[in-house]
Amino acid sequence: MEAKLKTKVLKVSFIVDVVNCPEPPTKTCNNWNITCVGEGRSVGSICNLTCSADHRLYGSDTVQCLESGVWSQINTVCVPNDIIPFAEFRSFQNSNYLFVEKHKNYLDAQASCSYMCGYLVEINTEEENIFIDLHPMGTSDAWIGLYSKDGIQFKWPSGNTTTTNQYENWVEDPSFSLDIGSCVQIFQNDGRWSRTEKMSCDLGKNLYICEF
């Protein structure tokens, strides 16, 4: 008799982890918010971003569910309708900028950027300073984020100083004296920075640049 060869079939089961993103992201800032509307939360799903009423969206209008199970970063700013006629949105390296050709004193310009969850621009490198200077904003100079609360030194919105960031581009001797409330403007003709005393910060009006 011929021997019967018995074969054994092995069944192999594979467990596949399904990656899903959490609920679509939202972003809230003061009186506006960004909502995300889309179908699905699987990898590759797209969610469309919209601003609340009386605001226009600048930047990317979508986010995507990534393979890591998180949504891509919201890289979007909502700009109030009353600023839109005077504003231009641009990106450079890892930041977004809003160049606003509307004259305000320093604190009002600061408040306008803050309302949009931004801040007056912080210039950390020569390349960034050149980018700012090359943007046409008429003939007026523009406020930047350096401000002196203590009359001792200037600080950026982040709390850094020009010494911390190791970049500065002053018109004046950097050892000049300060007073409390001094602020800084950037000249449109050459990109250099100029200290402004408190009275001029309060009463003078310039264009301004927000960073996000």
N, C-alpha and C. Protein backbone atom coordinates (compact mmCIF):
# COMPACT_ATOMS: atom_id res chain seq x y z
N MET A 1 0.84 -1.20 0.00
CA MET A 1 0.00 0.00 0.00
C MET A 1 0.88 1.24 0.00
N GLU A 2 0.40 2.14 -0.74
CA GLU A 2 1.16 3.39 -0.79
C GLU A 2 0.87 4.20 0.46
N ALA A 3 1.94 4.76 1.00
CA ALA A 3 1.76 5.60 2.20
C ALA A 3 1.07 6.89 1.83
N LYS A 4 0.13 7.24 2.63
CA LYS A 4 -0.58 8.50 2.39
C LYS A 4 0.13 9.63 3.12
N LEU A 5 0.44 10.66 2.35
CA LEU A 5 1.15 11.81 2.91
C LEU A 5 0.13 12.81 3.43
N LYS A 6 0.23 13.02 4.70
CA LYS A 6 -0.69 13.98 5.30
C LYS A 6 -0.06 15.37 5.31
N THR A 7 -0.83 16.30 4.89
CA THR A 7 -0.35 17.69 4.92
C THR A 7 -1.17 18.48 5.91
N LYS A 8 -0.52 19.41 6.51
CA LYS A 8 -1.18 20.25 7.52
C LYS A 8 -1.17 21.69 7.03
N VAL A 9 -2.32 22.26 6.97
CA VAL A 9 -2.44 23.63 6.50
C VAL A 9 -2.43 24.57 7.69
N LEU A 10 -1.49 25.48 7.66
CA LEU A 10 -1.41 26.47 8.73
C LEU A 10 -2.18 27.72 8.33
N LYS A 11 -3.02 28.15 9.19
CA LYS A 11 -3.77 29.37 8.95
C LYS A 11 -3.12 30.51 9.72
N VAL A 12 -2.75 31.52 8.98
CA VAL A 12 -2.09 32.68 9.60
C VAL A 12 -3.04 33.87 9.53
N SER A 13 -3.26 34.45 10.66
CA SER A 13 -4.14 35.63 10.72
C SER A 13 -3.31 36.89 10.92
N PHE A 14 -3.65 37.91 10.20
CA PHE A 14 -2.98 39.19 10.33
C PHE A 14 -3.95 40.19 10.95
N ILE A 15 -3.46 40.89 11.95
CA ILE A 15 -4.27 41.94 12.57
C ILE A 15 -3.78 43.28 12.05
N VAL A 16 -4.64 43.97 11.39
CA VAL A 16 -4.28 45.25 10.81
C VAL A 16 -4.89 46.37 11.66
N ASP A 17 -4.02 47.22 12.16
CA ASP A 17 -4.50 48.36 12.94
C ASP A 17 -5.00 49.44 11.99
N VAL A 18 -6.23 49.83 12.18
CA VAL A 18 -6.81 50.89 11.37
C VAL A 18 -6.53 52.23 12.05
N VAL A 19 -5.87 53.10 11.32
CA VAL A 19 -5.51 54.40 11.87
C VAL A 19 -6.60 55.41 11.55
N ASN A 20 -7.12 56.04 12.57
CA ASN A 20 -8.10 57.10 12.40
C ASN A 20 -7.65 58.33 13.17
N CYS A 21 -8.01 59.47 12.67
CA CYS A 21 -7.74 60.72 13.39
C CYS A 21 -8.88 61.01 14.36
N PRO A 22 -8.63 61.82 15.38
CA PRO A 22 -9.70 62.20 16.30
C PRO A 22 -10.69 63.15 15.62
N GLU A 23 -11.57 63.72 16.39
CA GLU A 23 -12.52 64.68 15.84
C GLU A 23 -11.76 65.80 15.12
N PRO A 24 -12.33 66.32 14.02
CA PRO A 24 -11.64 67.38 13.27
C PRO A 24 -11.28 68.56 14.18
N PRO A 25 -10.15 69.19 13.90
CA PRO A 25 -9.66 70.27 14.77
C PRO A 25 -10.45 71.56 14.60
N THR A 26 -10.39 72.38 15.62
CA THR A 26 -10.94 73.74 15.54
C THR A 26 -9.89 74.69 16.12
N LYS A 27 -10.03 75.94 15.81
CA LYS A 27 -9.13 76.95 16.35
C LYS A 27 -9.96 78.15 16.74
N THR A 28 -9.82 78.57 17.98
CA THR A 28 -10.60 79.70 18.47
C THR A 28 -9.66 80.82 18.89
N CYS A 29 -10.01 82.03 18.51
CA CYS A 29 -9.18 83.18 18.86
C CYS A 29 -10.08 84.39 19.05
N ASN A 30 -10.19 84.85 20.29
CA ASN A 30 -10.98 86.04 20.60
C ASN A 30 -12.40 85.91 20.06
N ASN A 31 -12.78 86.75 19.08
CA ASN A 31 -14.16 86.75 18.60
C ASN A 31 -14.36 85.95 17.32
N TRP A 32 -13.38 85.14 16.93
CA TRP A 32 -13.56 84.34 15.72
C TRP A 32 -13.11 82.91 15.96
N ASN A 33 -13.54 82.02 15.09
CA ASN A 33 -13.10 80.64 15.19
C ASN A 33 -13.03 80.02 13.81
N ILE A 34 -12.25 78.95 13.73
CA ILE A 34 -12.13 78.18 12.49
C ILE A 34 -12.79 76.83 12.72
N THR A 35 -13.72 76.47 11.87
CA THR A 35 -14.35 75.16 11.97
C THR A 35 -13.89 74.29 10.81
N CYS A 36 -13.97 72.99 11.02
CA CYS A 36 -13.48 72.03 10.04
C CYS A 36 -14.62 71.10 9.65
N VAL A 37 -14.95 71.07 8.37
CA VAL A 37 -16.06 70.26 7.90
C VAL A 37 -15.55 69.27 6.85
N GLY A 38 -15.80 67.99 7.08
CA GLY A 38 -15.37 66.98 6.12
C GLY A 38 -15.96 65.64 6.46
N GLU A 39 -15.84 64.69 5.55
CA GLU A 39 -16.36 63.35 5.77
C GLU A 39 -15.20 62.39 6.01
N GLY A 40 -15.30 61.62 7.08
CA GLY A 40 -14.31 60.61 7.36
C GLY A 40 -13.17 61.09 8.23
N ARG A 41 -12.57 60.15 8.94
CA ARG A 41 -11.44 60.45 9.80
C ARG A 41 -10.30 59.47 9.54
N SER A 42 -10.36 58.77 8.42
CA SER A 42 -9.30 57.83 8.06
C SER A 42 -8.13 58.57 7.44
N VAL A 43 -7.00 57.89 7.33
CA VAL A 43 -5.80 58.50 6.76
C VAL A 43 -6.09 59.00 5.35
N GLY A 44 -5.71 60.23 5.10
CA GLY A 44 -5.94 60.83 3.79
C GLY A 44 -7.20 61.67 3.71
N SER A 45 -8.07 61.56 4.72
CA SER A 45 -9.31 62.35 4.71
C SER A 45 -8.98 63.84 4.76
N ILE A 46 -9.77 64.62 4.08
CA ILE A 46 -9.58 66.07 4.01
C ILE A 46 -10.70 66.77 4.76
N CYS A 47 -10.34 67.79 5.50
CA CYS A 47 -11.32 68.59 6.23
C CYS A 47 -11.18 70.04 5.77
N ASN A 48 -12.29 70.66 5.41
CA ASN A 48 -12.29 72.03 4.90
C ASN A 48 -12.46 73.03 6.03
N LEU A 49 -11.62 74.06 6.02
CA LEU A 49 -11.63 75.06 7.08
C LEU A 49 -12.44 76.29 6.66
N THR A 50 -13.19 76.82 7.58
CA THR A 50 -13.93 78.05 7.32
C THR A 50 -13.80 78.98 8.52
N CYS A 51 -13.84 80.28 8.27
CA CYS A 51 -13.80 81.28 9.34
C CYS A 51 -15.22 81.66 9.74
N SER A 52 -15.33 82.23 10.92
CA SER A 52 -16.62 82.73 11.37
C SER A 52 -17.01 83.97 10.56
N ALA A 53 -18.23 84.43 10.75
CA ALA A 53 -18.76 85.55 9.97
C ALA A 53 -17.90 86.79 10.11
N ASP A 54 -17.89 87.61 9.06
CA ASP A 54 -17.18 88.89 9.03
C ASP A 54 -15.66 88.73 9.03
N HIS A 55 -15.17 87.55 8.66
CA HIS A 55 -13.73 87.30 8.55
C HIS A 55 -13.45 86.53 7.27
N ARG A 56 -12.26 86.72 6.74
CA ARG A 56 -11.84 85.98 5.56
C ARG A 56 -10.64 85.11 5.90
N LEU A 57 -10.63 83.91 5.34
CA LEU A 57 -9.56 82.96 5.62
C LEU A 57 -8.37 83.21 4.71
N TYR A 58 -7.19 83.27 5.30
CA TYR A 58 -5.93 83.37 4.56
C TYR A 58 -5.06 82.18 4.93
N GLY A 59 -4.35 81.65 3.95
CA GLY A 59 -3.51 80.48 4.19
C GLY A 59 -4.19 79.23 3.64
N SER A 60 -3.78 78.07 4.12
CA SER A 60 -4.34 76.81 3.65
C SER A 60 -5.78 76.65 4.13
N ASP A 61 -6.68 76.23 3.22
CA ASP A 61 -8.09 76.09 3.59
C ASP A 61 -8.48 74.65 3.90
N THR A 62 -7.49 73.75 4.03
CA THR A 62 -7.78 72.36 4.38
C THR A 62 -6.73 71.83 5.35
N VAL A 63 -7.12 70.78 6.07
CA VAL A 63 -6.17 69.96 6.83
C VAL A 63 -6.42 68.51 6.43
N GLN A 64 -5.42 67.66 6.65
CA GLN A 64 -5.51 66.27 6.21
C GLN A 64 -5.16 65.33 7.36
N CYS A 65 -5.85 64.20 7.41
CA CYS A 65 -5.55 63.17 8.41
C CYS A 65 -4.27 62.45 7.98
N LEU A 66 -3.25 62.49 8.83
CA LEU A 66 -1.94 61.94 8.50
C LEU A 66 -1.83 60.48 8.96
N GLU A 67 -0.82 59.78 8.44
CA GLU A 67 -0.61 58.38 8.79
C GLU A 67 -0.32 58.18 10.27
N SER A 68 0.14 59.24 10.93
CA SER A 68 0.43 59.16 12.36
C SER A 68 -0.83 59.25 13.21
N GLY A 69 -1.98 59.46 12.57
CA GLY A 69 -3.23 59.52 13.31
C GLY A 69 -3.56 60.90 13.86
N VAL A 70 -2.92 61.92 13.34
CA VAL A 70 -3.23 63.29 13.75
C VAL A 70 -3.52 64.11 12.51
N TRP A 71 -4.23 65.21 12.70
CA TRP A 71 -4.51 66.11 11.59
C TRP A 71 -3.30 67.01 11.35
N SER A 72 -3.09 67.38 10.11
CA SER A 72 -2.02 68.33 9.81
C SER A 72 -2.32 69.66 10.50
N GLN A 73 -1.30 70.45 10.68
CA GLN A 73 -1.43 71.70 11.43
C GLN A 73 -2.31 72.70 10.70
N ILE A 74 -3.15 73.41 11.47
CA ILE A 74 -3.94 74.50 10.88
C ILE A 74 -3.01 75.67 10.61
N ASN A 75 -2.79 75.95 9.34
CA ASN A 75 -1.88 77.02 8.94
C ASN A 75 -2.70 78.14 8.30
N THR A 76 -3.58 78.70 9.12
CA THR A 76 -4.61 79.59 8.60
C THR A 76 -4.83 80.76 9.55
N VAL A 77 -5.15 81.90 8.98
CA VAL A 77 -5.46 83.09 9.77
C VAL A 77 -6.81 83.63 9.31
N CYS A 78 -7.64 84.06 10.26
CA CYS A 78 -8.90 84.71 9.93
C CYS A 78 -8.72 86.22 10.10
N VAL A 79 -8.92 86.95 9.02
CA VAL A 79 -8.69 88.40 9.03
C VAL A 79 -10.03 89.12 8.99
N PRO A 80 -10.25 90.08 9.90
CA PRO A 80 -11.52 90.82 9.90
C PRO A 80 -11.74 91.56 8.58
N ASN A 81 -12.99 91.65 8.18
CA ASN A 81 -13.32 92.28 6.90
C ASN A 81 -12.84 93.72 6.79
N ASP A 82 -12.80 94.45 7.92
CA ASP A 82 -12.41 95.86 7.84
C ASP A 82 -10.91 96.04 7.60
N ILE A 83 -10.12 94.97 7.78
CA ILE A 83 -8.67 95.05 7.53
C ILE A 83 -8.32 94.55 6.13
N ILE A 84 -9.15 93.69 5.56
CA ILE A 84 -8.85 93.01 4.30
C ILE A 84 -8.42 93.97 3.18
N PRO A 85 -9.09 95.12 2.98
CA PRO A 85 -8.66 96.00 1.87
C PRO A 85 -7.24 96.53 2.02
N PHE A 86 -6.69 96.45 3.23
CA PHE A 86 -5.37 97.03 3.50
C PHE A 86 -4.30 95.97 3.75
N ALA A 87 -4.66 94.70 3.63
CA ALA A 87 -3.76 93.64 4.09
C ALA A 87 -3.31 92.72 2.96
N GLU A 88 -2.09 92.21 3.10
CA GLU A 88 -1.57 91.19 2.19
C GLU A 88 -0.92 90.09 3.01
N PHE A 89 -1.27 88.86 2.70
CA PHE A 89 -0.79 87.69 3.44
C PHE A 89 0.36 87.05 2.68
N ARG A 90 1.47 86.78 3.40
CA ARG A 90 2.61 86.12 2.78
C ARG A 90 3.24 85.13 3.76
N SER A 91 3.93 84.14 3.21
CA SER A 91 4.62 83.15 4.03
C SER A 91 6.11 83.20 3.75
N PHE A 92 6.90 82.92 4.79
CA PHE A 92 8.35 82.86 4.64
C PHE A 92 8.88 81.86 5.65
N GLN A 93 9.61 80.87 5.15
CA GLN A 93 10.13 79.80 6.00
C GLN A 93 8.99 79.19 6.82
N ASN A 94 9.02 79.25 8.14
CA ASN A 94 8.00 78.58 8.94
C ASN A 94 6.96 79.52 9.53
N SER A 95 6.89 80.74 9.03
CA SER A 95 5.95 81.71 9.59
C SER A 95 5.06 82.30 8.50
N ASN A 96 3.92 82.83 8.95
CA ASN A 96 3.02 83.58 8.08
C ASN A 96 3.03 85.04 8.53
N TYR A 97 2.83 85.94 7.57
CA TYR A 97 2.90 87.37 7.86
C TYR A 97 1.71 88.07 7.23
N LEU A 98 1.22 89.08 7.92
CA LEU A 98 0.18 89.93 7.36
C LEU A 98 0.71 91.36 7.35
N PHE A 99 0.90 91.88 6.14
CA PHE A 99 1.38 93.25 5.97
C PHE A 99 0.15 94.15 5.88
N VAL A 100 -0.01 95.02 6.85
CA VAL A 100 -1.23 95.83 6.93
C VAL A 100 -0.90 97.29 6.61
N GLU A 101 -1.44 97.77 5.51
CA GLU A 101 -1.20 99.15 5.09
C GLU A 101 -2.31 100.05 5.64
N LYS A 102 -2.41 100.05 6.95
CA LYS A 102 -3.38 100.89 7.65
C LYS A 102 -2.64 101.52 8.82
N HIS A 103 -2.72 102.83 8.95
CA HIS A 103 -1.93 103.53 9.95
C HIS A 103 -2.56 103.43 11.34
N LYS A 104 -1.75 102.97 12.29
CA LYS A 104 -2.18 102.89 13.69
C LYS A 104 -1.01 103.27 14.58
N ASN A 105 -1.31 103.69 15.82
CA ASN A 105 -0.22 103.88 16.76
C ASN A 105 0.28 102.50 17.21
N TYR A 106 1.35 102.49 17.97
CA TYR A 106 2.00 101.21 18.26
C TYR A 106 1.09 100.24 19.02
N LEU A 107 0.46 100.71 20.09
CA LEU A 107 -0.36 99.82 20.91
C LEU A 107 -1.59 99.33 20.15
N ASP A 108 -2.17 100.16 19.29
CA ASP A 108 -3.32 99.72 18.50
C ASP A 108 -2.90 98.68 17.46
N ALA A 109 -1.71 98.86 16.88
CA ALA A 109 -1.19 97.87 15.94
C ALA A 109 -0.93 96.55 16.65
N GLN A 110 -0.37 96.65 17.84
CA GLN A 110 -0.10 95.46 18.66
C GLN A 110 -1.41 94.73 18.97
N ALA A 111 -2.45 95.49 19.32
CA ALA A 111 -3.75 94.90 19.65
C ALA A 111 -4.39 94.25 18.42
N SER A 112 -4.20 94.85 17.25
CA SER A 112 -4.76 94.30 16.02
C SER A 112 -4.16 92.93 15.72
N CYS A 113 -2.85 92.81 15.87
CA CYS A 113 -2.20 91.51 15.65
C CYS A 113 -2.66 90.49 16.69
N SER A 114 -2.76 90.93 17.93
CA SER A 114 -3.17 90.04 19.02
C SER A 114 -4.58 89.52 18.80
N TYR A 115 -5.46 90.36 18.27
CA TYR A 115 -6.84 89.95 18.00
C TYR A 115 -6.88 88.76 17.04
N MET A 116 -5.93 88.74 16.10
CA MET A 116 -5.88 87.65 15.12
C MET A 116 -5.01 86.49 15.60
N CYS A 117 -4.70 86.46 16.91
CA CYS A 117 -3.83 85.44 17.50
C CYS A 117 -2.42 85.49 16.93
N GLY A 118 -1.98 86.70 16.60
CA GLY A 118 -0.61 86.89 16.14
C GLY A 118 0.08 87.91 17.02
N TYR A 119 1.16 88.47 16.52
CA TYR A 119 1.94 89.45 17.27
C TYR A 119 2.71 90.30 16.27
N LEU A 120 3.11 91.50 16.68
CA LEU A 120 3.95 92.31 15.81
C LEU A 120 5.23 91.54 15.51
N VAL A 121 5.66 91.58 14.28
CA VAL A 121 6.70 90.70 13.76
C VAL A 121 7.96 90.69 14.62
N GLU A 122 8.50 89.48 14.81
CA GLU A 122 9.78 89.28 15.50
C GLU A 122 10.80 88.87 14.45
N ILE A 123 11.82 89.70 14.25
CA ILE A 123 12.81 89.47 13.19
C ILE A 123 14.06 88.84 13.80
N ASN A 124 14.32 87.59 13.43
CA ASN A 124 15.39 86.83 14.08
C ASN A 124 16.65 86.66 13.24
N THR A 125 16.54 86.90 11.93
CA THR A 125 17.69 86.67 11.06
C THR A 125 17.78 87.76 9.99
N GLU A 126 18.93 87.86 9.37
CA GLU A 126 19.10 88.82 8.28
C GLU A 126 18.19 88.46 7.11
N GLU A 127 18.02 87.16 6.85
CA GLU A 127 17.17 86.73 5.74
C GLU A 127 15.73 87.16 5.96
N GLU A 128 15.26 87.04 7.20
CA GLU A 128 13.89 87.46 7.50
C GLU A 128 13.76 88.97 7.37
N ASN A 129 14.78 89.70 7.80
CA ASN A 129 14.74 91.17 7.69
C ASN A 129 14.68 91.60 6.23
N ILE A 130 15.44 90.92 5.37
CA ILE A 130 15.41 91.23 3.94
C ILE A 130 14.03 90.93 3.36
N PHE A 131 13.45 89.80 3.76
CA PHE A 131 12.10 89.45 3.31
C PHE A 131 11.10 90.55 3.68
N ILE A 132 11.19 91.04 4.92
CA ILE A 132 10.29 92.11 5.37
C ILE A 132 10.52 93.38 4.57
N ASP A 133 11.78 93.73 4.38
CA ASP A 133 12.12 94.98 3.71
C ASP A 133 11.74 94.98 2.24
N LEU A 134 11.77 93.81 1.61
CA LEU A 134 11.48 93.73 0.18
C LEU A 134 9.98 93.81 -0.11
N HIS A 135 9.17 93.69 0.93
CA HIS A 135 7.73 93.78 0.69
C HIS A 135 7.32 95.24 0.54
N PRO A 136 6.72 95.61 -0.58
CA PRO A 136 6.33 97.01 -0.78
C PRO A 136 5.15 97.40 0.10
N MET A 137 5.34 98.44 0.92
CA MET A 137 4.27 98.94 1.78
C MET A 137 4.17 100.46 1.64
N GLY A 138 4.22 100.93 0.41
CA GLY A 138 4.14 102.37 0.20
C GLY A 138 5.41 103.05 0.69
N THR A 139 5.27 104.26 1.15
CA THR A 139 6.43 105.03 1.59
C THR A 139 6.54 105.10 3.10
N SER A 140 5.56 104.56 3.81
CA SER A 140 5.55 104.66 5.27
C SER A 140 6.39 103.56 5.90
N ASP A 141 6.94 103.86 7.07
CA ASP A 141 7.65 102.85 7.83
C ASP A 141 6.64 101.98 8.58
N ALA A 142 7.11 100.92 9.21
CA ALA A 142 6.18 99.97 9.84
C ALA A 142 6.65 99.60 11.24
N TRP A 143 5.68 99.39 12.13
CA TRP A 143 6.00 98.93 13.49
C TRP A 143 6.42 97.47 13.47
N ILE A 144 7.43 97.14 14.30
CA ILE A 144 7.81 95.75 14.53
C ILE A 144 7.70 95.47 16.03
N GLY A 145 7.98 94.23 16.44
CA GLY A 145 7.61 93.79 17.78
C GLY A 145 8.50 94.22 18.94
N LEU A 146 9.62 94.85 18.69
CA LEU A 146 10.49 95.26 19.80
C LEU A 146 9.84 96.37 20.62
N TYR A 147 9.83 96.18 21.95
CA TYR A 147 9.15 97.13 22.84
C TYR A 147 9.85 97.10 24.20
N SER A 148 9.94 98.24 24.84
CA SER A 148 10.59 98.31 26.15
C SER A 148 9.56 98.63 27.24
N LYS A 149 9.27 97.64 28.07
CA LYS A 149 8.34 97.85 29.18
C LYS A 149 9.03 98.45 30.40
N ASP A 150 10.34 98.22 30.51
CA ASP A 150 11.05 98.63 31.71
C ASP A 150 12.00 99.80 31.50
N GLY A 151 12.17 100.24 30.25
CA GLY A 151 13.11 101.32 29.99
C GLY A 151 14.56 100.88 30.07
N ILE A 152 14.79 99.57 30.19
CA ILE A 152 16.15 99.04 30.31
C ILE A 152 16.59 98.37 29.02
N GLN A 153 15.71 97.54 28.45
CA GLN A 153 16.05 96.85 27.22
C GLN A 153 14.79 96.60 26.39
N PHE A 154 15.01 96.36 25.10
CA PHE A 154 13.92 96.00 24.21
C PHE A 154 13.72 94.49 24.25
N LYS A 155 12.47 94.06 24.16
CA LYS A 155 12.16 92.64 24.06
C LYS A 155 11.16 92.41 22.93
N TRP A 156 11.28 91.23 22.31
CA TRP A 156 10.32 90.80 21.32
C TRP A 156 9.09 90.22 22.03
N PRO A 157 7.98 90.00 21.32
CA PRO A 157 6.79 89.42 21.95
C PRO A 157 7.06 88.08 22.64
N SER A 158 8.03 87.32 22.13
CA SER A 158 8.36 86.02 22.72
C SER A 158 9.10 86.15 24.04
N GLY A 159 9.57 87.36 24.35
CA GLY A 159 10.40 87.56 25.53
C GLY A 159 11.89 87.58 25.21
N ASN A 160 12.24 87.18 23.98
CA ASN A 160 13.63 87.22 23.55
C ASN A 160 14.10 88.66 23.36
N THR A 161 15.40 88.84 23.41
CA THR A 161 16.00 90.14 23.12
C THR A 161 16.84 90.01 21.85
N THR A 162 17.36 91.12 21.37
CA THR A 162 18.23 91.04 20.19
C THR A 162 19.51 90.29 20.53
N THR A 163 19.90 90.31 21.79
CA THR A 163 21.08 89.56 22.22
C THR A 163 20.78 88.06 22.19
N THR A 164 19.59 87.69 22.66
CA THR A 164 19.18 86.28 22.65
C THR A 164 19.17 85.74 21.22
N ASN A 165 18.57 86.51 20.32
CA ASN A 165 18.43 86.06 18.94
C ASN A 165 19.68 86.29 18.10
N GLN A 166 20.60 87.08 18.64
CA GLN A 166 21.88 87.35 17.97
C GLN A 166 21.70 88.01 16.61
N TYR A 167 20.66 88.83 16.50
CA TYR A 167 20.50 89.61 15.28
C TYR A 167 19.88 90.96 15.62
N GLU A 168 20.44 92.02 15.03
CA GLU A 168 19.88 93.36 15.17
C GLU A 168 20.33 94.18 13.97
N ASN A 169 19.58 95.22 13.68
CA ASN A 169 19.86 96.01 12.48
C ASN A 169 19.51 97.48 12.72
N TRP A 170 20.17 98.07 13.72
CA TRP A 170 19.84 99.41 14.17
C TRP A 170 20.41 100.50 13.27
N VAL A 171 19.66 101.59 13.17
CA VAL A 171 20.19 102.81 12.58
C VAL A 171 21.11 103.48 13.60
N GLU A 172 20.65 103.53 14.86
CA GLU A 172 21.39 104.21 15.91
C GLU A 172 22.43 103.28 16.54
N ASP A 173 23.26 103.86 17.37
CA ASP A 173 24.18 103.09 18.20
C ASP A 173 23.34 102.22 19.13
N PRO A 174 23.56 100.90 19.16
CA PRO A 174 22.74 100.02 19.99
C PRO A 174 22.86 100.27 21.49
N SER A 175 23.78 101.12 21.91
CA SER A 175 23.93 101.42 23.34
C SER A 175 23.08 102.61 23.76
N PHE A 176 22.16 103.07 22.89
CA PHE A 176 21.34 104.25 23.21
C PHE A 176 20.51 104.02 24.47
N SER A 177 20.13 105.12 25.09
CA SER A 177 19.29 105.03 26.29
C SER A 177 17.83 104.85 25.90
N LEU A 178 17.05 104.25 26.80
CA LEU A 178 15.64 103.97 26.55
C LEU A 178 14.77 104.69 27.57
N ASP A 179 13.49 104.78 27.26
CA ASP A 179 12.52 105.16 28.27
C ASP A 179 11.41 104.12 28.26
N ILE A 180 10.65 104.05 29.34
CA ILE A 180 9.57 103.06 29.42
C ILE A 180 8.54 103.35 28.33
N GLY A 181 8.19 102.32 27.58
CA GLY A 181 7.22 102.49 26.50
C GLY A 181 7.84 102.79 25.16
N SER A 182 9.17 102.75 25.06
CA SER A 182 9.82 102.94 23.75
C SER A 182 9.47 101.77 22.83
N CYS A 183 9.34 102.05 21.54
CA CYS A 183 9.03 101.01 20.57
C CYS A 183 9.96 101.14 19.38
N VAL A 184 9.77 100.30 18.37
CA VAL A 184 10.71 100.27 17.24
C VAL A 184 9.95 100.19 15.92
N GLN A 185 10.46 100.91 14.93
CA GLN A 185 9.92 100.85 13.58
C GLN A 185 11.01 100.41 12.62
N ILE A 186 10.60 99.81 11.50
CA ILE A 186 11.56 99.42 10.47
C ILE A 186 11.39 100.37 9.30
N PHE A 187 12.51 100.91 8.80
CA PHE A 187 12.47 101.84 7.68
C PHE A 187 12.24 101.06 6.38
N GLN A 188 11.36 101.59 5.55
CA GLN A 188 11.03 100.91 4.30
C GLN A 188 12.11 101.06 3.23
N ASN A 189 12.96 102.05 3.38
CA ASN A 189 13.95 102.27 2.32
C ASN A 189 15.20 101.42 2.46
N ASP A 190 15.51 100.98 3.69
CA ASP A 190 16.74 100.19 3.84
C ASP A 190 16.62 99.04 4.85
N GLY A 191 15.46 98.86 5.47
CA GLY A 191 15.27 97.74 6.38
C GLY A 191 15.94 97.89 7.73
N ARG A 192 16.44 99.08 8.05
CA ARG A 192 17.06 99.26 9.37
C ARG A 192 16.01 99.65 10.40
N TRP A 193 16.35 99.41 11.67
CA TRP A 193 15.41 99.64 12.76
C TRP A 193 15.73 100.95 13.47
N SER A 194 14.68 101.61 13.91
CA SER A 194 14.87 102.88 14.62
C SER A 194 14.05 102.91 15.90
N ARG A 195 14.71 103.28 16.99
CA ARG A 195 14.05 103.43 18.28
C ARG A 195 13.11 104.64 18.23
N THR A 196 11.95 104.50 18.85
CA THR A 196 10.98 105.59 18.90
C THR A 196 10.57 105.82 20.34
N GLU A 197 10.62 107.06 20.80
CA GLU A 197 10.27 107.35 22.19
C GLU A 197 8.78 107.15 22.42
N LYS A 198 8.40 107.02 23.69
CA LYS A 198 7.04 106.65 24.05
C LYS A 198 5.99 107.59 23.44
N MET A 199 6.23 108.89 23.47
CA MET A 199 5.23 109.83 22.96
C MET A 199 4.92 109.57 21.50
N SER A 200 5.96 109.28 20.72
CA SER A 200 5.76 109.00 19.29
C SER A 200 5.09 107.64 19.08
N CYS A 201 5.36 106.69 19.99
CA CYS A 201 4.70 105.39 19.90
C CYS A 201 3.20 105.55 20.15
N ASP A 202 2.86 106.46 21.08
CA ASP A 202 1.45 106.68 21.44
C ASP A 202 0.71 107.52 20.41
N LEU A 203 1.39 108.52 19.85
CA LEU A 203 0.72 109.47 18.97
C LEU A 203 1.02 109.26 17.49
N GLY A 204 2.21 108.75 17.19
CA GLY A 204 2.57 108.52 15.80
C GLY A 204 1.85 107.32 15.22
N LYS A 205 1.63 107.33 13.92
CA LYS A 205 0.93 106.22 13.27
C LYS A 205 1.74 105.69 12.10
N ASN A 206 1.91 104.37 12.09
CA ASN A 206 2.65 103.68 11.05
C ASN A 206 1.83 102.52 10.51
N LEU A 207 2.30 101.96 9.41
CA LEU A 207 1.80 100.66 8.97
C LEU A 207 2.34 99.62 9.95
N TYR A 208 1.89 98.37 9.84
CA TYR A 208 2.39 97.36 10.77
C TYR A 208 2.37 95.97 10.15
N ILE A 209 3.16 95.08 10.75
CA ILE A 209 3.34 93.73 10.22
C ILE A 209 3.07 92.73 11.33
N CYS A 210 2.09 91.86 11.11
CA CYS A 210 1.78 90.81 12.08
C CYS A 210 2.45 89.50 11.65
N GLU A 211 2.83 88.72 12.62
CA GLU A 211 3.40 87.39 12.36
C GLU A 211 2.57 86.35 13.09
N PHE A 212 2.47 85.16 12.47
CA PHE A 212 1.66 84.09 13.05
C PHE A 212 2.45 82.79 13.04
